[in-house]
Structures are given as structure tokens and as C-alpha cells.
Amino acid sequence: MTDIVLISPQDKKQIFQNLSSIAAFEPPTYMLLVAQYLRQKGLSIEVIDGQFFTPEEIAKAVIS
């Protein structure tokens, strides 16, 4: 069972609109640092990088 789900809710198409096809993907570095800190404290963490999913897909992943 997951204790905490961290979500990077970046919808590239919404943010960059017509430029989304040429915008770079950036890893959620600081969120991953927070996740590692929480793991060291004994918590079970799930990380979802929203750059690659729609809001609906993210919601479905969290519920399941």
C-alpha cells in the first residue's frame, strides 16, 4: 500500500499550446528529491510525472 502519491501535474499541451511539439521535457527533480527523503523516513511513495499523461489518466492512476 502506498502512503503518499506525489504528482507533477504538468500538462505540456496546455502550458505550451502550439509550441508543445518543440518544448523540452524536464524531469521533476525536486519532487524526486522529496520522494527520496520520504522513502528514507520509511514511507512508501509513488511518483507520477504528469508530463506524459492527461489529467484524467492521472486521476485514474491515483484511484487504482
C-alpha atoms as a PDB file:
ATOM      1  CA  MET A   1       0.000   0.000   0.000  1.00  0.00           C
ATOM      2  CA  THR A   2       1.255   3.458  -0.924  1.00  0.00           C
ATOM      3  CA  ASP A   3       1.489   6.029   1.868  1.00  0.00           C
ATOM      4  CA  ILE A   4       1.928   9.106  -0.354  1.00  0.00           C
ATOM      5  CA  VAL A   5       1.405   9.830  -4.055  1.00  0.00           C
ATOM      6  CA  LEU A   6       3.398  12.744  -5.462  1.00  0.00           C
ATOM      7  CA  ILE A   7       2.079  14.162  -8.728  1.00  0.00           C
ATOM      8  CA  SER A   8       3.815  16.547 -11.075  1.00  0.00           C
ATOM      9  CA  PRO A   9       0.709  17.932 -12.847  1.00  0.00           C
ATOM     10  CA  GLN A  10       2.400  19.357 -15.909  1.00  0.00           C
ATOM     11  CA  ASP A  11       0.136  19.230 -18.933  1.00  0.00           C
ATOM     12  CA  LYS A  12       2.633  20.247 -21.615  1.00  0.00           C
ATOM     13  CA  LYS A  13      -0.037  20.793 -24.256  1.00  0.00           C
ATOM     14  CA  GLN A  14      -1.957  23.177 -22.008  1.00  0.00           C
ATOM     15  CA  ILE A  15       1.131  25.090 -20.871  1.00  0.00           C
ATOM     16  CA  PHE A  16       2.935  25.433 -24.199  1.00  0.00           C
ATOM     17  CA  GLN A  17      -0.066  25.161 -26.562  1.00  0.00           C
ATOM     18  CA  ASN A  18       1.181  25.278 -30.180  1.00  0.00           C
ATOM     19  CA  LEU A  19       4.804  25.096 -29.063  1.00  0.00           C
ATOM     20  CA  SER A  20       4.318  21.804 -27.188  1.00  0.00           C
ATOM     21  CA  SER A  21       5.833  19.773 -30.029  1.00  0.00           C
ATOM     22  CA  ILE A  22       9.190  21.554 -29.628  1.00  0.00           C
ATOM     23  CA  ALA A  23       9.233  22.117 -25.851  1.00  0.00           C
ATOM     24  CA  ALA A  24      11.702  20.043 -23.833  1.00  0.00           C
ATOM     25  CA  PHE A  25      10.650  17.501 -21.234  1.00  0.00           C
ATOM     26  CA  GLU A  26      12.104  18.189 -17.816  1.00  0.00           C
ATOM     27  CA  PRO A  27      12.227  15.577 -15.073  1.00  0.00           C
ATOM     28  CA  PRO A  28      10.503  16.540 -11.812  1.00  0.00           C
ATOM     29  CA  THR A  29      13.838  16.743  -9.999  1.00  0.00           C
ATOM     30  CA  TYR A  30      12.737  18.419  -6.766  1.00  0.00           C
ATOM     31  CA  MET A  31       9.729  16.149  -6.426  1.00  0.00           C
ATOM     32  CA  LEU A  32      12.049  13.151  -6.774  1.00  0.00           C
ATOM     33  CA  LEU A  33      14.294  14.574  -4.051  1.00  0.00           C
ATOM     34  CA  VAL A  34      11.284  14.917  -1.743  1.00  0.00           C
ATOM     35  CA  ALA A  35      10.241  11.356  -2.616  1.00  0.00           C
ATOM     36  CA  GLN A  36      13.682  10.002  -1.721  1.00  0.00           C
ATOM     37  CA  TYR A  37      13.670  11.877   1.596  1.00  0.00           C
ATOM     38  CA  LEU A  38      10.255  10.412   2.463  1.00  0.00           C
ATOM     39  CA  ARG A  39      11.427   6.910   1.494  1.00  0.00           C
ATOM     40  CA  GLN A  40      14.374   7.303   3.861  1.00  0.00           C
ATOM     41  CA  LYS A  41      11.841   8.110   6.588  1.00  0.00           C
ATOM     42  CA  GLY A  42      10.144   4.762   5.911  1.00  0.00           C
ATOM     43  CA  LEU A  43       7.174   5.848   3.804  1.00  0.00           C
ATOM     44  CA  SER A  44       6.005   4.137   0.640  1.00  0.00           C
ATOM     45  CA  ILE A  45       5.945   6.666  -2.200  1.00  0.00           C
ATOM     46  CA  GLU A  46       4.505   6.641  -5.713  1.00  0.00           C
ATOM     47  CA  VAL A  47       5.592   9.334  -8.173  1.00  0.00           C
ATOM     48  CA  ILE A  48       3.510  10.285 -11.212  1.00  0.00           C
ATOM     49  CA  ASP A  49       5.092  12.537 -13.820  1.00  0.00           C
ATOM     50  CA  GLY A  50       2.132  14.349 -15.347  1.00  0.00           C
ATOM     51  CA  GLN A  51       4.058  15.479 -18.420  1.00  0.00           C
ATOM     52  CA  PHE A  52       3.118  12.254 -20.139  1.00  0.00           C
ATOM     53  CA  PHE A  53      -0.499  11.852 -19.018  1.00  0.00           C
ATOM     54  CA  THR A  54      -3.792  13.683 -19.237  1.00  0.00           C
ATOM     55  CA  PRO A  55      -5.460  14.822 -16.003  1.00  0.00           C
ATOM     56  CA  GLU A  56      -7.992  12.012 -16.438  1.00  0.00           C
ATOM     57  CA  GLU A  57      -5.228   9.395 -16.715  1.00  0.00           C
ATOM     58  CA  ILE A  58      -3.549  10.777 -13.598  1.00  0.00           C
ATOM     59  CA  ALA A  59      -6.812  10.626 -11.634  1.00  0.00           C
ATOM     60  CA  LYS A  60      -7.384   7.031 -12.764  1.00  0.00           C
ATOM     61  CA  ALA A  61      -3.852   6.046 -11.688  1.00  0.00           C
ATOM     62  CA  VAL A  62      -4.338   7.574  -8.234  1.00  0.00           C
ATOM     63  CA  ILE A  63      -7.695   5.880  -7.659  1.00  0.00           C
ATOM     64  CA  SER A  64      -6.475   2.416  -8.680  1.00  0.00           C
END
